[in-house]
Amino acid sequence: MPTEGGGTEPSSNVPQKPVERRRLRDEKLREHRSHPRYNDAEFALVKNAAALSKMALGGYVAECSLAAARSDDPTAAVADYRAMIKALMAANGKLGHIGGNLNQLTHHLNKDGAWPHPATVQRLLDHVDATVAELDAAIAQVAEGR
């Protein structure tokens, strides 16, 4: 059926055979599938990235995962985020050890009675508190930004 632009439109009387969509480089459809799951925020990020890349969502996810898998160090491509979390959590653990050391120090100072100047103690505690707060903020920022 002719259209205004000079082309033809398929007749609704003729059954249309569905066309299998294939990647141009593959001779046959791929057998294996993966079905990642996202929360709403993650899905919006991936969908936006695919749109910015001018790719279909599934193709974008596939290409990203294959790019990571094909890299010289596949764990590095994906693990930057995980490594950052591990480093932050390790730092958090170290701060826990510092807290234990402060408790031991307090025990010995109370036992021996030889306390340093209160301003020195307060500066140390303020520094530890500030470090804990900064680390907590960094962990929250990374966790929210994933």
Protein backbone atom coordinates (compact mmCIF):
# COMPACT_ATOMS: atom_id res chain seq x y z
CA MET A 1 0.00 0.00 0.00
CA PRO A 2 1.62 3.35 -1.05
CA THR A 3 2.30 6.00 1.59
CA GLU A 4 2.53 9.77 1.32
CA GLY A 5 6.32 9.65 1.30
CA GLY A 6 6.34 7.39 -1.76
CA GLY A 7 7.20 4.21 0.16
CA THR A 8 5.00 1.22 0.68
CA GLU A 9 3.31 0.02 3.81
CA PRO A 10 2.83 -3.72 4.37
CA SER A 11 -0.71 -4.90 3.89
CA SER A 12 -2.50 -5.98 7.05
CA ASN A 13 -3.90 -8.96 5.11
CA VAL A 14 -0.49 -10.50 4.56
CA PRO A 15 0.89 -12.20 7.68
CA GLN A 16 4.30 -10.84 8.59
CA LYS A 17 7.02 -13.30 9.52
CA PRO A 18 8.83 -12.17 12.69
CA VAL A 19 12.43 -11.32 11.97
CA GLU A 20 15.02 -12.76 14.32
CA ARG A 21 17.28 -10.02 15.57
CA ARG A 22 20.93 -10.95 15.60
CA ARG A 23 24.11 -9.18 16.32
CA LEU A 24 25.86 -8.61 13.04
CA ARG A 25 28.98 -10.46 14.11
CA ASP A 26 27.14 -13.63 15.22
CA GLU A 27 26.01 -16.33 12.82
CA LYS A 28 23.36 -17.60 15.22
CA LEU A 29 21.55 -16.36 18.29
CA ARG A 30 23.40 -16.63 21.56
CA GLU A 31 22.26 -19.41 23.87
CA HIS A 32 23.35 -18.14 27.26
CA ARG A 33 21.55 -15.37 29.11
CA SER A 34 22.09 -13.53 32.32
CA HIS A 35 19.36 -11.59 34.07
CA PRO A 36 20.82 -8.90 36.33
CA ARG A 37 18.49 -7.32 38.85
CA TYR A 38 18.60 -3.65 39.84
CA ASN A 39 16.83 -1.48 42.34
CA ASP A 40 15.07 1.60 40.94
CA ALA A 41 18.05 3.92 41.37
CA GLU A 42 20.53 1.46 39.83
CA PHE A 43 18.18 0.76 36.91
CA ALA A 44 17.80 4.47 36.24
CA LEU A 45 21.59 4.88 36.18
CA VAL A 46 22.10 1.98 33.77
CA LYS A 47 19.20 3.09 31.56
CA ASN A 48 20.57 6.64 31.40
CA ALA A 49 24.09 5.41 30.61
CA ALA A 50 22.72 3.22 27.81
CA ALA A 51 20.77 6.16 26.37
CA LEU A 52 23.83 8.42 26.52
CA SER A 53 25.79 5.70 24.72
CA LYS A 54 23.01 5.46 22.12
CA MET A 55 22.68 1.74 22.82
CA ALA A 56 19.80 -0.52 23.71
CA LEU A 57 19.73 -1.31 27.41
CA GLY A 58 20.47 -5.03 26.96
CA GLY A 59 23.29 -4.33 24.54
CA TYR A 60 24.80 -1.77 26.88
CA VAL A 61 24.73 -4.18 29.83
CA ALA A 62 26.19 -6.95 27.66
CA GLU A 63 28.97 -4.77 26.26
CA CYS A 64 29.92 -3.43 29.69
CA SER A 65 30.13 -6.88 31.20
CA LEU A 66 32.08 -8.24 28.24
CA ALA A 67 34.47 -5.28 28.33
CA ALA A 68 35.16 -6.00 31.99
CA ALA A 69 35.56 -9.73 31.34
CA ARG A 70 37.93 -9.17 28.40
CA SER A 71 40.20 -6.73 30.20
CA ASP A 72 43.68 -7.79 31.28
CA ASP A 73 42.49 -7.75 34.86
CA PRO A 74 38.74 -8.46 34.91
CA THR A 75 38.56 -8.00 38.64
CA ALA A 76 40.01 -4.49 38.33
CA ALA A 77 37.34 -3.38 35.88
CA VAL A 78 34.58 -4.26 38.33
CA ALA A 79 36.54 -4.28 41.55
CA ASP A 80 37.38 -0.58 41.81
CA TYR A 81 34.16 -0.06 43.74
CA ARG A 82 34.64 -3.20 45.81
CA ALA A 83 38.27 -2.35 46.50
CA MET A 84 37.24 1.09 47.69
CA ILE A 85 34.63 -0.41 50.01
CA LYS A 86 37.15 -2.95 51.31
CA ALA A 87 39.70 -0.20 51.97
CA LEU A 88 37.13 1.90 53.79
CA MET A 89 35.97 -1.06 55.83
CA ALA A 90 39.60 -1.95 56.67
CA ALA A 91 40.15 1.64 57.81
CA ASN A 92 36.99 1.35 59.88
CA GLY A 93 38.42 -1.82 61.47
CA LYS A 94 41.66 -0.02 62.24
CA LEU A 95 39.68 2.71 63.95
CA GLY A 96 38.04 0.00 66.01
CA HIS A 97 41.50 -1.15 67.08
CA ILE A 98 42.36 2.44 67.98
CA GLY A 99 39.24 2.53 70.15
CA GLY A 100 40.42 -0.64 71.89
CA ASN A 101 43.85 0.89 72.41
CA LEU A 102 42.24 4.00 73.91
CA ASN A 103 40.31 1.80 76.32
CA GLN A 104 43.50 0.02 77.35
CA LEU A 105 45.28 3.34 77.76
CA THR A 106 42.45 4.65 79.90
CA HIS A 107 42.59 1.53 82.04
CA HIS A 108 46.34 1.95 82.65
CA LEU A 109 46.08 5.67 83.26
CA ASN A 110 43.33 5.11 85.81
CA LYS A 111 45.37 2.34 87.45
CA ASP A 112 48.64 4.30 87.56
CA GLY A 113 47.11 7.73 88.05
CA ALA A 114 49.60 9.46 85.74
CA TRP A 115 47.31 11.35 83.38
CA PRO A 116 48.67 13.63 80.63
CA HIS A 117 47.45 17.19 80.40
CA PRO A 118 43.65 17.26 79.75
CA ALA A 119 44.10 19.38 76.61
CA THR A 120 46.36 16.69 75.13
CA VAL A 121 43.81 13.99 75.84
CA GLN A 122 41.02 16.12 74.39
CA ARG A 123 43.00 16.80 71.19
CA LEU A 124 43.59 13.06 70.77
CA LEU A 125 39.92 12.23 71.31
CA ASP A 126 38.80 15.03 68.99
CA HIS A 127 41.14 13.74 66.30
CA VAL A 128 39.82 10.19 66.67
CA ASP A 129 36.19 11.42 66.61
CA ALA A 130 36.84 13.52 63.49
CA THR A 131 38.50 10.58 61.75
CA VAL A 132 35.58 8.29 62.58
CA ALA A 133 33.11 10.89 61.27
CA GLU A 134 35.06 11.39 58.03
CA LEU A 135 35.30 7.65 57.47
CA ASP A 136 31.59 7.17 58.15
CA ALA A 137 30.77 9.94 55.69
CA ALA A 138 33.05 8.40 53.03
CA ILE A 139 31.49 4.96 53.48
CA ALA A 140 27.98 6.42 53.24
CA GLN A 141 28.88 8.42 50.13
CA VAL A 142 30.36 5.41 48.37
CA ALA A 143 27.49 3.14 49.38
CA GLU A 144 24.87 5.64 48.21
CA GLY A 145 26.70 6.40 44.97
CA ARG A 146 26.98 2.84 43.74
